[in-house]
């Protein structure tokens, strides 16, 4: 049984320089729902994450679908209810696609949920602080951090079978 973390503790941990990884936050039916949600998306709805030769793909979750997606993450309900705004998208990385070093332009916290994460030796890993720290993050895990103040990016999956899928939720609190 998981120990409950209250909202203030969660925000305090998430705003530390390494953020907070929460293992096994999404499993069973909820993980299957998100996997099926992604599988049902046609190729036409995916957009390039940027215009570079290593661009990843993004699907912006429409606001009318967001409550259904967030219902898969009941452990984070207090984050949803206390946030003044939220936006969600799904990232898909295939072989040789990655996100370079950056800080996000806005948002107070960002939650990343691993829908499908390659094994560590297959690439496709999230990193912090200019690649000096890989985030120990796998399928079904959650990572909460302040993406506007922490430099982060991803490595590229190394082979075709190493696709990486994540649900990302940016949150604002006022």
N, C-alpha and C. Protein backbone atom coordinates (compact mmCIF):
# COMPACT_ATOMS: atom_id res chain seq x y z
N UNK A 1 0.83 -1.19 0.00
CA UNK A 1 0.00 0.00 0.00
C UNK A 1 0.87 1.25 0.00
N UNK A 2 0.53 2.21 -0.84
CA UNK A 2 1.28 3.45 -0.96
C UNK A 2 0.99 4.38 0.20
N UNK A 3 2.02 5.12 0.59
CA UNK A 3 1.85 6.15 1.61
C UNK A 3 1.36 7.41 0.92
N UNK A 4 0.35 8.04 1.47
CA UNK A 4 -0.21 9.25 0.89
C UNK A 4 0.73 10.43 1.14
N UNK A 5 0.91 11.26 0.12
CA UNK A 5 1.68 12.49 0.26
C UNK A 5 0.71 13.63 0.07
N UNK A 6 0.70 14.58 0.99
CA UNK A 6 -0.24 15.68 0.83
C UNK A 6 0.29 16.67 -0.21
N UNK A 7 -0.57 17.55 -0.63
CA UNK A 7 -0.27 18.49 -1.71
C UNK A 7 0.98 19.31 -1.41
N UNK A 8 1.07 19.89 -0.24
CA UNK A 8 2.21 20.75 0.09
C UNK A 8 3.52 19.98 0.09
N UNK A 9 3.52 18.74 0.59
CA UNK A 9 4.72 17.91 0.55
C UNK A 9 5.11 17.59 -0.88
N UNK A 10 4.12 17.27 -1.70
CA UNK A 10 4.39 16.93 -3.09
C UNK A 10 5.00 18.11 -3.84
N UNK A 11 4.45 19.30 -3.66
CA UNK A 11 4.99 20.49 -4.32
C UNK A 11 6.40 20.78 -3.82
N UNK A 12 6.63 20.63 -2.53
CA UNK A 12 7.97 20.88 -1.99
C UNK A 12 8.98 19.91 -2.59
N UNK A 13 8.65 18.64 -2.69
CA UNK A 13 9.55 17.65 -3.28
C UNK A 13 9.75 17.90 -4.77
N UNK A 14 8.70 18.27 -5.46
CA UNK A 14 8.76 18.48 -6.91
C UNK A 14 9.61 19.69 -7.28
N UNK A 15 9.70 20.68 -6.41
CA UNK A 15 10.45 21.89 -6.74
C UNK A 15 11.92 21.79 -6.35
N UNK A 16 12.35 20.67 -5.83
CA UNK A 16 13.78 20.46 -5.58
C UNK A 16 14.51 20.30 -6.91
N UNK A 17 15.83 20.50 -6.93
CA UNK A 17 16.57 20.44 -8.20
C UNK A 17 16.46 19.13 -8.96
N UNK A 18 16.10 18.04 -8.31
CA UNK A 18 15.97 16.75 -9.00
C UNK A 18 14.53 16.34 -9.20
N UNK A 19 13.56 17.16 -8.80
CA UNK A 19 12.16 16.77 -8.90
C UNK A 19 11.89 15.53 -8.06
N UNK A 20 10.80 14.84 -8.36
CA UNK A 20 10.47 13.62 -7.61
C UNK A 20 9.94 12.55 -8.58
N UNK A 21 10.54 11.37 -8.50
CA UNK A 21 10.06 10.21 -9.27
C UNK A 21 9.17 9.39 -8.36
N UNK A 22 8.00 9.00 -8.85
CA UNK A 22 7.07 8.17 -8.10
C UNK A 22 6.82 6.90 -8.91
N UNK A 23 7.39 5.81 -8.44
CA UNK A 23 7.32 4.55 -9.19
C UNK A 23 5.92 3.94 -9.13
N UNK A 24 5.52 3.33 -10.22
CA UNK A 24 4.29 2.56 -10.27
C UNK A 24 3.01 3.33 -10.04
N UNK A 25 2.97 4.59 -10.43
CA UNK A 25 1.77 5.40 -10.21
C UNK A 25 0.65 5.07 -11.20
N UNK A 26 1.00 4.43 -12.29
CA UNK A 26 0.01 4.09 -13.30
C UNK A 26 0.21 2.63 -13.69
N UNK A 27 -0.79 1.82 -13.46
CA UNK A 27 -0.67 0.40 -13.82
C UNK A 27 -2.04 -0.16 -14.14
N UNK A 28 -2.07 -1.43 -14.52
CA UNK A 28 -3.34 -2.13 -14.76
C UNK A 28 -4.22 -1.44 -15.78
N UNK A 29 -5.47 -1.27 -15.42
CA UNK A 29 -6.48 -0.73 -16.34
C UNK A 29 -6.15 0.69 -16.80
N UNK A 30 -5.61 1.52 -15.90
CA UNK A 30 -5.30 2.90 -16.27
C UNK A 30 -4.18 2.97 -17.29
N UNK A 31 -3.15 2.15 -17.12
CA UNK A 31 -2.06 2.12 -18.10
C UNK A 31 -2.59 1.59 -19.44
N UNK A 32 -3.41 0.55 -19.40
CA UNK A 32 -3.99 0.00 -20.63
C UNK A 32 -4.86 1.03 -21.33
N UNK A 33 -5.62 1.83 -20.57
CA UNK A 33 -6.45 2.87 -21.16
C UNK A 33 -5.59 3.87 -21.94
N UNK A 34 -4.50 4.33 -21.32
CA UNK A 34 -3.64 5.30 -22.01
C UNK A 34 -2.95 4.68 -23.22
N UNK A 35 -2.49 3.44 -23.10
CA UNK A 35 -1.88 2.77 -24.25
C UNK A 35 -2.88 2.68 -25.40
N UNK A 36 -4.11 2.30 -25.11
CA UNK A 36 -5.14 2.18 -26.14
C UNK A 36 -5.53 3.55 -26.71
N UNK A 37 -5.54 4.56 -25.86
CA UNK A 37 -5.82 5.93 -26.31
C UNK A 37 -4.80 6.34 -27.37
N UNK A 38 -3.52 6.07 -27.10
CA UNK A 38 -2.45 6.42 -28.04
C UNK A 38 -2.55 5.58 -29.31
N UNK A 39 -2.81 4.29 -29.17
CA UNK A 39 -2.92 3.41 -30.33
C UNK A 39 -4.05 3.83 -31.27
N UNK A 40 -5.11 4.42 -30.72
CA UNK A 40 -6.27 4.81 -31.52
C UNK A 40 -6.05 6.11 -32.28
N UNK A 41 -4.98 6.83 -31.98
CA UNK A 41 -4.72 8.09 -32.66
C UNK A 41 -4.23 7.82 -34.08
N UNK A 42 -4.79 8.54 -35.03
CA UNK A 42 -4.31 8.37 -36.41
C UNK A 42 -3.00 9.14 -36.57
N UNK A 43 -2.22 8.75 -37.55
CA UNK A 43 -0.95 9.43 -37.78
C UNK A 43 -1.14 10.90 -38.12
N UNK A 44 -2.30 11.28 -38.60
CA UNK A 44 -2.53 12.67 -39.01
C UNK A 44 -2.65 13.63 -37.83
N UNK A 45 -2.90 13.15 -36.63
CA UNK A 45 -3.07 14.06 -35.50
C UNK A 45 -1.75 14.41 -34.81
N UNK A 46 -0.69 13.71 -35.14
CA UNK A 46 0.61 13.97 -34.51
C UNK A 46 1.28 15.15 -35.21
N UNK A 47 1.90 16.03 -34.41
CA UNK A 47 2.62 17.17 -34.94
C UNK A 47 4.09 17.04 -34.56
N UNK A 48 4.97 17.64 -35.35
CA UNK A 48 6.38 17.63 -35.00
C UNK A 48 6.61 18.50 -33.78
N UNK A 49 7.46 18.02 -32.86
CA UNK A 49 7.78 18.79 -31.67
C UNK A 49 8.57 20.04 -31.98
N UNK A 50 9.38 20.01 -33.02
CA UNK A 50 10.06 21.19 -33.54
C UNK A 50 10.42 20.89 -34.99
N UNK A 51 11.12 21.78 -35.63
CA UNK A 51 11.41 21.62 -37.05
C UNK A 51 12.80 21.05 -37.33
N UNK A 52 13.44 20.47 -36.33
CA UNK A 52 14.79 19.95 -36.50
C UNK A 52 14.78 18.57 -37.14
N UNK A 53 15.96 18.09 -37.48
CA UNK A 53 16.07 16.76 -38.07
C UNK A 53 15.90 15.65 -37.04
N UNK A 54 15.85 15.99 -35.78
CA UNK A 54 15.65 15.00 -34.71
C UNK A 54 14.28 15.15 -34.05
N UNK A 55 13.36 15.83 -34.73
CA UNK A 55 12.07 16.17 -34.13
C UNK A 55 11.30 14.94 -33.67
N UNK A 56 10.72 15.04 -32.50
CA UNK A 56 9.83 14.04 -31.94
C UNK A 56 8.41 14.43 -32.35
N UNK A 57 7.43 13.63 -31.96
CA UNK A 57 6.04 13.91 -32.32
C UNK A 57 5.23 14.21 -31.06
N UNK A 58 4.25 15.09 -31.21
CA UNK A 58 3.38 15.46 -30.09
C UNK A 58 1.92 15.38 -30.52
N UNK A 59 1.09 14.97 -29.56
CA UNK A 59 -0.36 15.02 -29.74
C UNK A 59 -0.90 15.85 -28.59
N UNK A 60 -1.51 16.97 -28.90
CA UNK A 60 -2.08 17.83 -27.86
C UNK A 60 -3.46 17.32 -27.49
N UNK A 61 -3.64 16.95 -26.24
CA UNK A 61 -4.90 16.40 -25.76
C UNK A 61 -5.94 17.52 -25.74
N UNK A 62 -7.03 17.38 -26.49
CA UNK A 62 -8.08 18.41 -26.48
C UNK A 62 -8.66 18.59 -25.07
N UNK A 63 -9.04 19.81 -24.77
CA UNK A 63 -9.53 20.11 -23.42
C UNK A 63 -10.74 19.26 -23.03
N UNK A 64 -11.57 18.87 -24.01
CA UNK A 64 -12.73 18.05 -23.67
C UNK A 64 -12.35 16.60 -23.34
N UNK A 65 -11.16 16.16 -23.72
CA UNK A 65 -10.69 14.81 -23.40
C UNK A 65 -9.84 14.79 -22.13
N UNK A 66 -9.41 15.96 -21.69
CA UNK A 66 -8.50 16.04 -20.54
C UNK A 66 -9.08 15.43 -19.26
N UNK A 67 -10.35 15.68 -18.89
CA UNK A 67 -10.88 15.04 -17.68
C UNK A 67 -10.81 13.51 -17.73
N UNK A 68 -11.09 12.93 -18.89
CA UNK A 68 -11.02 11.48 -19.04
C UNK A 68 -9.58 10.99 -18.85
N UNK A 69 -8.62 11.69 -19.42
CA UNK A 69 -7.21 11.32 -19.28
C UNK A 69 -6.78 11.46 -17.82
N UNK A 70 -7.13 12.57 -17.20
CA UNK A 70 -6.71 12.81 -15.82
C UNK A 70 -7.37 11.85 -14.84
N UNK A 71 -8.53 11.30 -15.19
CA UNK A 71 -9.19 10.33 -14.31
C UNK A 71 -8.37 9.06 -14.16
N UNK A 72 -7.45 8.83 -15.08
CA UNK A 72 -6.54 7.67 -14.99
C UNK A 72 -5.48 7.86 -13.91
N UNK A 73 -5.39 9.06 -13.38
CA UNK A 73 -4.33 9.40 -12.43
C UNK A 73 -4.94 9.91 -11.11
N UNK A 74 -5.70 9.06 -10.42
CA UNK A 74 -6.41 9.52 -9.22
C UNK A 74 -5.48 9.97 -8.10
N UNK A 75 -4.25 9.47 -8.06
CA UNK A 75 -3.31 9.88 -7.01
C UNK A 75 -2.95 11.35 -7.10
N UNK A 76 -3.20 11.96 -8.25
CA UNK A 76 -2.83 13.36 -8.46
C UNK A 76 -4.03 14.29 -8.48
N UNK A 77 -5.17 13.81 -8.00
CA UNK A 77 -6.40 14.60 -8.05
C UNK A 77 -6.24 15.97 -7.41
N UNK A 78 -5.52 16.05 -6.30
CA UNK A 78 -5.37 17.35 -5.64
C UNK A 78 -4.56 18.33 -6.50
N UNK A 79 -3.64 17.83 -7.31
CA UNK A 79 -2.92 18.71 -8.24
C UNK A 79 -3.90 19.32 -9.24
N UNK A 80 -4.83 18.49 -9.75
CA UNK A 80 -5.80 19.00 -10.73
C UNK A 80 -6.71 20.04 -10.09
N UNK A 81 -7.23 19.73 -8.90
CA UNK A 81 -8.21 20.62 -8.29
C UNK A 81 -7.58 21.93 -7.81
N UNK A 82 -6.32 21.91 -7.43
CA UNK A 82 -5.67 23.14 -6.96
C UNK A 82 -5.04 23.95 -8.08
N UNK A 83 -4.86 23.36 -9.24
CA UNK A 83 -4.24 24.11 -10.33
C UNK A 83 -5.26 25.07 -10.94
N UNK A 84 -4.76 26.23 -11.36
CA UNK A 84 -5.63 27.21 -12.00
C UNK A 84 -5.75 26.96 -13.50
N UNK A 85 -4.79 26.26 -14.07
CA UNK A 85 -4.82 25.91 -15.48
C UNK A 85 -3.96 24.67 -15.70
N UNK A 86 -4.28 23.93 -16.75
CA UNK A 86 -3.51 22.73 -17.09
C UNK A 86 -3.64 22.48 -18.58
N UNK A 87 -2.59 21.90 -19.13
CA UNK A 87 -2.59 21.51 -20.53
C UNK A 87 -1.86 20.17 -20.61
N UNK A 88 -2.30 19.30 -21.51
CA UNK A 88 -1.69 17.98 -21.61
C UNK A 88 -1.36 17.63 -23.06
N UNK A 89 -0.31 16.86 -23.22
CA UNK A 89 0.06 16.36 -24.53
C UNK A 89 0.79 15.04 -24.36
N UNK A 90 0.84 14.30 -25.44
CA UNK A 90 1.56 13.02 -25.45
C UNK A 90 2.74 13.18 -26.38
N UNK A 91 3.92 12.80 -25.90
CA UNK A 91 5.12 12.80 -26.73
C UNK A 91 5.39 11.39 -27.22
N UNK A 92 5.80 11.29 -28.47
CA UNK A 92 6.21 10.01 -29.04
C UNK A 92 7.59 10.21 -29.66
N UNK A 93 8.54 9.39 -29.21
CA UNK A 93 9.90 9.43 -29.73
C UNK A 93 10.18 8.09 -30.39
N UNK A 94 10.75 8.15 -31.56
CA UNK A 94 11.19 6.95 -32.25
C UNK A 94 12.70 7.03 -32.41
N UNK A 95 13.27 6.04 -33.05
CA UNK A 95 14.71 5.99 -33.22
C UNK A 95 15.24 7.32 -33.74
N UNK A 96 16.31 7.81 -33.12
CA UNK A 96 17.01 9.05 -33.51
C UNK A 96 16.22 10.33 -33.26
N UNK A 97 15.16 10.28 -32.45
CA UNK A 97 14.41 11.49 -32.10
C UNK A 97 14.66 11.81 -30.64
N UNK A 98 14.83 13.08 -30.33
CA UNK A 98 15.07 13.49 -28.95
C UNK A 98 14.68 14.95 -28.76
N UNK A 99 14.61 15.36 -27.48
CA UNK A 99 14.40 16.77 -27.13
C UNK A 99 15.73 17.28 -26.58
N UNK A 100 16.21 18.37 -27.13
CA UNK A 100 17.47 18.95 -26.70
C UNK A 100 17.35 19.69 -25.37
N UNK A 101 18.47 20.15 -24.89
CA UNK A 101 18.58 20.85 -23.61
C UNK A 101 17.72 22.12 -23.61
N UNK A 102 16.86 22.25 -22.59
CA UNK A 102 16.00 23.43 -22.49
C UNK A 102 15.37 23.54 -21.10
N UNK A 103 14.84 24.73 -20.83
CA UNK A 103 13.91 24.97 -19.73
C UNK A 103 12.60 25.39 -20.39
N UNK A 104 11.48 24.97 -19.81
CA UNK A 104 10.19 25.34 -20.38
C UNK A 104 9.92 26.82 -20.17
N UNK A 105 9.15 27.42 -21.06
CA UNK A 105 8.88 28.85 -21.01
C UNK A 105 7.86 29.22 -19.94
N UNK A 106 7.03 28.26 -19.53
CA UNK A 106 5.99 28.59 -18.56
C UNK A 106 5.59 27.35 -17.77
N UNK A 107 4.72 27.59 -16.81
CA UNK A 107 4.21 26.50 -15.98
C UNK A 107 4.90 26.47 -14.62
N UNK A 108 4.15 26.03 -13.61
CA UNK A 108 4.73 25.90 -12.27
C UNK A 108 5.28 24.51 -12.03
N UNK A 109 4.56 23.49 -12.48
CA UNK A 109 5.03 22.10 -12.37
C UNK A 109 4.67 21.36 -13.64
N UNK A 110 5.44 20.33 -13.92
CA UNK A 110 5.12 19.44 -15.03
C UNK A 110 5.15 18.01 -14.54
N UNK A 111 4.13 17.26 -14.91
CA UNK A 111 4.02 15.85 -14.57
C UNK A 111 4.23 15.05 -15.85
N UNK A 112 5.15 14.10 -15.81
CA UNK A 112 5.39 13.21 -16.94
C UNK A 112 5.07 11.80 -16.48
N UNK A 113 4.20 11.13 -17.23
CA UNK A 113 3.81 9.75 -16.94
C UNK A 113 4.37 8.86 -18.05
N UNK A 114 5.09 7.83 -17.67
CA UNK A 114 5.64 6.89 -18.65
C UNK A 114 4.59 5.92 -19.13
N UNK A 115 4.17 6.06 -20.38
CA UNK A 115 3.23 5.11 -20.99
C UNK A 115 4.01 3.93 -21.55
N UNK A 116 5.14 4.24 -22.18
CA UNK A 116 6.02 3.20 -22.72
C UNK A 116 7.44 3.78 -22.70
N UNK A 117 8.28 3.24 -21.84
CA UNK A 117 9.64 3.75 -21.68
C UNK A 117 10.62 2.63 -22.01
N UNK A 118 11.57 2.89 -22.92
CA UNK A 118 12.56 1.86 -23.24
C UNK A 118 13.44 1.54 -22.03
N UNK A 119 14.07 0.38 -22.06
CA UNK A 119 15.02 0.03 -21.00
C UNK A 119 16.20 1.00 -21.07
N UNK A 120 16.90 1.14 -19.97
CA UNK A 120 17.98 2.11 -19.85
C UNK A 120 19.01 1.98 -20.97
N UNK A 121 19.38 0.77 -21.35
CA UNK A 121 20.40 0.60 -22.38
C UNK A 121 19.85 0.76 -23.80
N UNK A 122 18.57 1.11 -23.94
CA UNK A 122 17.95 1.30 -25.26
C UNK A 122 17.76 2.77 -25.61
N UNK A 123 18.27 3.68 -24.77
CA UNK A 123 18.10 5.10 -25.03
C UNK A 123 16.70 5.57 -24.69
N UNK A 124 16.35 6.77 -25.15
CA UNK A 124 15.02 7.32 -24.91
C UNK A 124 14.79 7.72 -23.46
N UNK A 125 15.84 8.15 -22.77
CA UNK A 125 15.74 8.48 -21.36
C UNK A 125 15.63 9.98 -21.12
N UNK A 126 14.90 10.36 -20.09
CA UNK A 126 14.81 11.74 -19.64
C UNK A 126 16.05 12.05 -18.82
N UNK A 127 16.61 13.24 -19.01
CA UNK A 127 17.78 13.63 -18.22
C UNK A 127 17.60 15.05 -17.69
N UNK A 128 18.35 15.36 -16.66
CA UNK A 128 18.36 16.70 -16.06
C UNK A 128 19.79 17.23 -16.06
N UNK A 129 19.94 18.53 -15.94
CA UNK A 129 21.23 19.19 -15.76
C UNK A 129 22.23 18.83 -16.86
N UNK A 130 21.87 19.12 -18.10
CA UNK A 130 22.76 18.91 -19.24
C UNK A 130 23.30 17.50 -19.34
N UNK A 131 22.42 16.55 -19.26
CA UNK A 131 22.68 15.12 -19.44
C UNK A 131 23.52 14.50 -18.33
N UNK A 132 23.78 15.24 -17.26
CA UNK A 132 24.61 14.68 -16.18
C UNK A 132 23.82 13.74 -15.27
N UNK A 133 22.50 13.78 -15.34
CA UNK A 133 21.69 12.95 -14.46
C UNK A 133 20.52 12.34 -15.21
N UNK A 134 20.56 11.02 -15.45
CA UNK A 134 19.41 10.34 -16.03
C UNK A 134 18.35 10.15 -14.96
N UNK A 135 17.10 10.35 -15.32
CA UNK A 135 16.00 10.18 -14.37
C UNK A 135 15.60 8.70 -14.38
N UNK A 136 15.65 8.04 -13.21
CA UNK A 136 15.28 6.61 -13.14
C UNK A 136 13.77 6.45 -13.26
N UNK A 137 13.31 6.31 -14.46
CA UNK A 137 11.91 6.49 -14.80
C UNK A 137 11.51 5.40 -15.79
N UNK A 138 10.43 4.68 -15.52
CA UNK A 138 10.02 3.59 -16.40
C UNK A 138 8.54 3.64 -16.72
N UNK A 139 8.06 2.66 -17.43
CA UNK A 139 6.64 2.55 -17.77
C UNK A 139 5.81 2.53 -16.50
N UNK A 140 4.78 3.37 -16.44
CA UNK A 140 3.90 3.45 -15.28
C UNK A 140 4.39 4.38 -14.19
N UNK A 141 5.60 4.90 -14.31
CA UNK A 141 6.15 5.81 -13.30
C UNK A 141 5.74 7.25 -13.62
N UNK A 142 5.78 8.09 -12.59
CA UNK A 142 5.49 9.51 -12.73
C UNK A 142 6.71 10.31 -12.31
N UNK A 143 6.93 11.41 -12.97
CA UNK A 143 8.00 12.34 -12.61
C UNK A 143 7.40 13.73 -12.55
N UNK A 144 7.52 14.38 -11.40
CA UNK A 144 6.96 15.71 -11.19
C UNK A 144 8.12 16.66 -10.90
N UNK A 145 8.18 17.77 -11.66
CA UNK A 145 9.29 18.71 -11.47
C UNK A 145 8.91 20.09 -12.00
N UNK A 146 9.76 21.07 -11.70
CA UNK A 146 9.56 22.42 -12.20
C UNK A 146 10.33 22.55 -13.50
N UNK A 147 9.67 22.30 -14.60
CA UNK A 147 10.32 22.27 -15.92
C UNK A 147 10.75 23.65 -16.39
N UNK A 148 10.23 24.71 -15.76
CA UNK A 148 10.62 26.06 -16.13
C UNK A 148 11.92 26.48 -15.46
N UNK A 149 12.36 25.75 -14.44
CA UNK A 149 13.61 26.13 -13.77
C UNK A 149 14.70 25.07 -13.86
N UNK A 150 14.38 23.87 -14.32
CA UNK A 150 15.35 22.78 -14.39
C UNK A 150 15.66 22.48 -15.86
N UNK A 151 16.93 22.54 -16.22
CA UNK A 151 17.35 22.17 -17.58
C UNK A 151 17.10 20.67 -17.75
N UNK A 152 16.47 20.30 -18.86
CA UNK A 152 16.14 18.90 -19.10
C UNK A 152 16.05 18.62 -20.60
N UNK A 153 15.99 17.35 -20.95
CA UNK A 153 15.87 16.90 -22.32
C UNK A 153 15.77 15.38 -22.34
N UNK A 154 15.90 14.78 -23.50
CA UNK A 154 15.86 13.32 -23.60
C UNK A 154 16.99 12.84 -24.49
N UNK A 155 17.34 11.59 -24.31
CA UNK A 155 18.25 10.93 -25.25
C UNK A 155 17.37 10.28 -26.32
N UNK A 156 17.96 9.94 -27.44
CA UNK A 156 17.22 9.31 -28.53
C UNK A 156 17.12 7.80 -28.32
N UNK A 157 15.95 7.20 -28.58
CA UNK A 157 15.89 5.74 -28.60
C UNK A 157 16.91 5.22 -29.63
N UNK A 158 17.59 4.13 -29.28
CA UNK A 158 18.69 3.65 -30.11
C UNK A 158 18.28 2.70 -31.22
N UNK A 159 17.10 2.12 -31.15
CA UNK A 159 16.66 1.21 -32.20
C UNK A 159 15.15 1.31 -32.37
N UNK A 160 14.65 0.74 -33.44
CA UNK A 160 13.24 0.88 -33.82
C UNK A 160 12.29 0.41 -32.73
N UNK A 161 12.61 -0.66 -32.03
CA UNK A 161 11.72 -1.21 -31.01
C UNK A 161 11.70 -0.37 -29.73
N UNK A 162 12.56 0.62 -29.62
CA UNK A 162 12.69 1.40 -28.38
C UNK A 162 11.84 2.66 -28.37
N UNK A 163 10.65 2.62 -28.91
CA UNK A 163 9.76 3.79 -28.90
C UNK A 163 9.48 4.24 -27.48
N UNK A 164 9.38 5.56 -27.30
CA UNK A 164 9.10 6.15 -26.00
C UNK A 164 7.81 6.95 -26.11
N UNK A 165 6.85 6.69 -25.19
CA UNK A 165 5.59 7.43 -25.13
C UNK A 165 5.40 7.97 -23.73
N UNK A 166 5.09 9.26 -23.64
CA UNK A 166 4.82 9.85 -22.32
C UNK A 166 3.60 10.75 -22.39
N UNK A 167 2.85 10.78 -21.29
CA UNK A 167 1.80 11.77 -21.09
C UNK A 167 2.42 12.89 -20.28
N UNK A 168 2.25 14.11 -20.74
CA UNK A 168 2.81 15.28 -20.08
C UNK A 168 1.69 16.22 -19.69
N UNK A 169 1.71 16.68 -18.45
CA UNK A 169 0.69 17.63 -17.98
C UNK A 169 1.41 18.81 -17.35
N UNK A 170 1.21 20.00 -17.94
CA UNK A 170 1.79 21.22 -17.38
C UNK A 170 0.72 21.89 -16.52
N UNK A 171 1.11 22.33 -15.33
CA UNK A 171 0.18 22.88 -14.35
C UNK A 171 0.60 24.29 -13.93
N UNK A 172 -0.38 25.14 -13.75
CA UNK A 172 -0.16 26.48 -13.23
C UNK A 172 -0.97 26.61 -11.94
N UNK A 173 -0.41 27.27 -10.95
CA UNK A 173 -1.08 27.52 -9.67
C UNK A 173 -1.06 29.02 -9.41
N UNK A 174 -2.24 29.61 -9.12
CA UNK A 174 -2.31 31.05 -8.80
C UNK A 174 -3.00 31.25 -7.49
